Amino acid sequence: MTEHKLFFPVKEVTYKELFDWADPGQRYKTSSVSVPPKNSLLHQNSRTGSLVDCNKMKIALFRHGEQVFAVNEKCPHAGGPLHLGDIEEMPEGGLCVRCPWHSWRFDLTTGKVTMPRGRDLSTAVYPVRVDQDGRISIGFDKFADSYFTAEDDF
């Protein structure tokens, strides 16, 4: 139900800049790996998701064909960087992200763990809107709590 969400714009990346996991030309292309600058949030044009700051939260964005998925950046198992995980098609249908640290897999639609089986963990998933110009917005239930604290500099 996205009509009661607060949608925040993503400033770091547009739809066309996201790596498309459904495109075999991109998915199986080999490329050299480079270390991004220390303060860089994105791994654009590489075979990963994109890490963005939205609503004062770190969010991993993934594109698969026409769909864009947004999940919490940290794996709930051990805190691994989910934006660096691979997207996999599940045998029963649907897509999951595989954490690069311990290979735990999370359904990109529900956030529930799919591997290892029998675990009761999930990651937060967020609705995504893409406008006709490719600008992305992510939906949240509320403003981040840190908006209402004195933690940030003025």
Protein backbone atom coordinates (compact mmCIF):
# COMPACT_ATOMS: atom_id res chain seq x y z
CA MET A 1 0.00 0.00 0.00
CA THR A 2 2.00 2.99 -1.26
CA GLU A 3 -0.66 5.71 -1.11
CA HIS A 4 0.02 6.40 2.59
CA LYS A 5 3.81 6.55 2.30
CA LEU A 6 6.08 9.58 2.40
CA PHE A 7 8.18 9.52 -0.77
CA PHE A 8 11.67 11.01 -0.65
CA PRO A 9 13.66 11.73 -3.82
CA VAL A 10 16.92 9.91 -4.50
CA LYS A 11 19.53 12.47 -5.45
CA GLU A 12 22.54 10.25 -6.16
CA VAL A 13 21.31 8.15 -9.09
CA THR A 14 18.61 7.93 -11.76
CA TYR A 15 16.83 4.90 -13.20
CA LYS A 16 19.06 4.71 -16.30
CA GLU A 17 22.21 4.84 -14.19
CA LEU A 18 21.23 1.75 -12.19
CA PHE A 19 22.89 -1.51 -13.21
CA ASP A 20 20.22 -3.68 -14.90
CA TRP A 21 20.43 -7.22 -13.53
CA ALA A 22 17.96 -8.48 -16.15
CA ASP A 23 20.16 -7.41 -19.09
CA PRO A 24 22.45 -10.32 -20.03
CA GLY A 25 24.75 -7.87 -21.84
CA GLN A 26 25.40 -6.09 -18.55
CA ARG A 27 25.08 -9.05 -16.23
CA TYR A 28 27.75 -11.22 -17.83
CA LYS A 29 30.11 -8.50 -18.96
CA THR A 30 33.51 -8.68 -17.33
CA SER A 31 35.14 -5.50 -16.17
CA SER A 32 37.98 -4.43 -14.00
CA VAL A 33 37.26 -3.61 -10.39
CA SER A 34 38.32 -0.31 -8.91
CA VAL A 35 38.04 0.99 -5.39
CA PRO A 36 35.64 3.93 -5.21
CA PRO A 37 36.67 7.16 -3.47
CA LYS A 38 36.35 6.95 0.31
CA ASN A 39 33.28 9.20 0.48
CA SER A 40 31.58 7.78 -2.62
CA LEU A 41 28.13 6.31 -1.96
CA LEU A 42 27.70 4.85 -5.42
CA HIS A 43 29.24 2.05 -7.37
CA GLN A 44 27.78 3.24 -10.67
CA ASN A 45 28.46 1.37 -13.88
CA SER A 46 29.69 -1.63 -11.93
CA ARG A 47 28.00 -4.96 -11.38
CA THR A 48 26.39 -4.01 -8.07
CA GLY A 49 23.40 -2.26 -6.65
CA SER A 50 23.62 1.39 -5.73
CA LEU A 51 24.01 2.71 -2.21
CA VAL A 52 21.99 5.87 -1.58
CA ASP A 53 21.10 8.10 1.35
CA CYS A 54 17.35 8.65 1.58
CA ASN A 55 15.34 9.83 4.60
CA LYS A 56 18.62 9.79 6.56
CA MET A 57 18.96 6.05 5.94
CA LYS A 58 21.35 3.97 3.86
CA ILE A 59 19.35 2.16 1.17
CA ALA A 60 20.45 -0.40 -1.43
CA LEU A 61 18.79 0.08 -4.84
CA PHE A 62 18.58 -2.65 -7.48
CA ARG A 63 17.15 -2.63 -10.99
CA HIS A 64 15.87 -5.75 -12.72
CA GLY A 65 14.35 -4.89 -16.08
CA GLU A 66 11.63 -2.32 -15.51
CA GLN A 67 11.49 -2.89 -11.73
CA VAL A 68 13.47 -1.04 -9.07
CA PHE A 69 13.82 -2.48 -5.57
CA ALA A 70 14.88 -0.69 -2.40
CA VAL A 71 16.04 -2.51 0.74
CA ASN A 72 17.87 -1.62 3.93
CA GLU A 73 21.59 -1.52 3.17
CA LYS A 74 22.70 -3.65 6.13
CA CYS A 75 22.10 -7.38 6.12
CA PRO A 76 20.10 -8.23 9.27
CA HIS A 77 22.23 -11.35 9.82
CA ALA A 78 25.67 -9.76 10.29
CA GLY A 79 25.51 -6.23 8.85
CA GLY A 80 26.96 -7.01 5.42
CA PRO A 81 26.63 -4.46 2.60
CA LEU A 82 23.61 -5.66 0.61
CA HIS A 83 24.21 -3.19 -2.24
CA LEU A 84 27.28 -5.27 -3.11
CA GLY A 85 25.26 -8.49 -3.25
CA ASP A 86 24.21 -10.33 -6.40
CA ILE A 87 20.60 -10.46 -7.56
CA GLU A 88 19.38 -14.01 -8.15
CA GLU A 89 16.21 -15.42 -9.66
CA MET A 90 14.57 -17.83 -7.23
CA PRO A 91 13.43 -21.26 -8.51
CA GLU A 92 9.84 -20.60 -7.41
CA GLY A 93 9.88 -17.16 -9.07
CA GLY A 94 10.80 -13.77 -7.73
CA LEU A 95 14.13 -12.20 -7.01
CA CYS A 96 16.47 -12.15 -4.05
CA VAL A 97 19.66 -10.36 -3.07
CA ARG A 98 22.54 -12.51 -1.84
CA CYS A 99 24.62 -10.92 0.91
CA PRO A 100 28.30 -10.87 -0.10
CA TRP A 101 29.52 -11.78 3.39
CA HIS A 102 27.73 -15.06 4.22
CA SER A 103 25.49 -15.69 1.18
CA TRP A 104 22.23 -15.21 3.04
CA ARG A 105 19.46 -14.46 0.54
CA PHE A 106 16.57 -12.03 1.02
CA ASP A 107 13.45 -11.76 -1.13
CA LEU A 108 13.42 -8.32 -2.78
CA THR A 109 9.63 -8.05 -2.53
CA THR A 110 8.99 -9.21 1.05
CA GLY A 111 12.43 -8.85 2.65
CA LYS A 112 12.17 -12.35 4.16
CA VAL A 113 15.20 -14.61 4.27
CA THR A 114 15.04 -17.36 1.64
CA MET A 115 18.40 -19.02 2.46
CA PRO A 116 19.28 -20.47 4.84
CA ARG A 117 15.84 -21.97 5.25
CA GLY A 118 14.04 -21.99 8.58
CA ARG A 119 15.41 -18.63 9.75
CA ASP A 120 13.10 -15.89 10.94
CA LEU A 121 14.95 -12.80 9.73
CA SER A 122 13.98 -10.14 7.25
CA THR A 123 15.28 -6.88 5.90
CA ALA A 124 13.19 -3.77 5.38
CA VAL A 125 11.89 -3.26 1.85
CA TYR A 126 10.56 0.06 0.56
CA PRO A 127 8.24 0.96 -2.31
CA VAL A 128 9.86 2.76 -5.23
CA ARG A 129 8.47 5.22 -7.75
CA VAL A 130 10.19 6.20 -10.98
CA ASP A 131 8.91 9.25 -12.86
CA GLN A 132 8.97 9.66 -16.64
CA ASP A 133 12.35 11.41 -16.45
CA GLY A 134 13.91 8.51 -14.52
CA ARG A 135 14.00 10.22 -11.14
CA ILE A 136 13.60 7.73 -8.30
CA SER A 137 11.67 8.22 -5.04
CA ILE A 138 11.56 5.82 -2.11
CA GLY A 139 8.53 5.47 0.20
CA PHE A 140 8.70 5.42 4.00
CA ASP A 141 6.10 5.16 6.75
CA LYS A 142 7.47 8.22 8.53
CA PHE A 143 10.33 10.69 8.71
CA ALA A 144 13.51 9.19 10.18
CA ASP A 145 13.72 9.78 13.93
CA SER A 146 17.04 11.59 13.46
CA TYR A 147 15.17 14.47 11.79
CA PHE A 148 13.84 15.35 15.25
CA THR A 149 17.07 15.14 17.25
CA ALA A 150 19.94 17.60 17.66
CA GLU A 151 22.51 15.16 16.22
CA ASP A 152 23.09 17.04 12.95
CA ASP A 153 25.12 20.22 12.53
CA PHE A 154 23.28 23.35 11.51
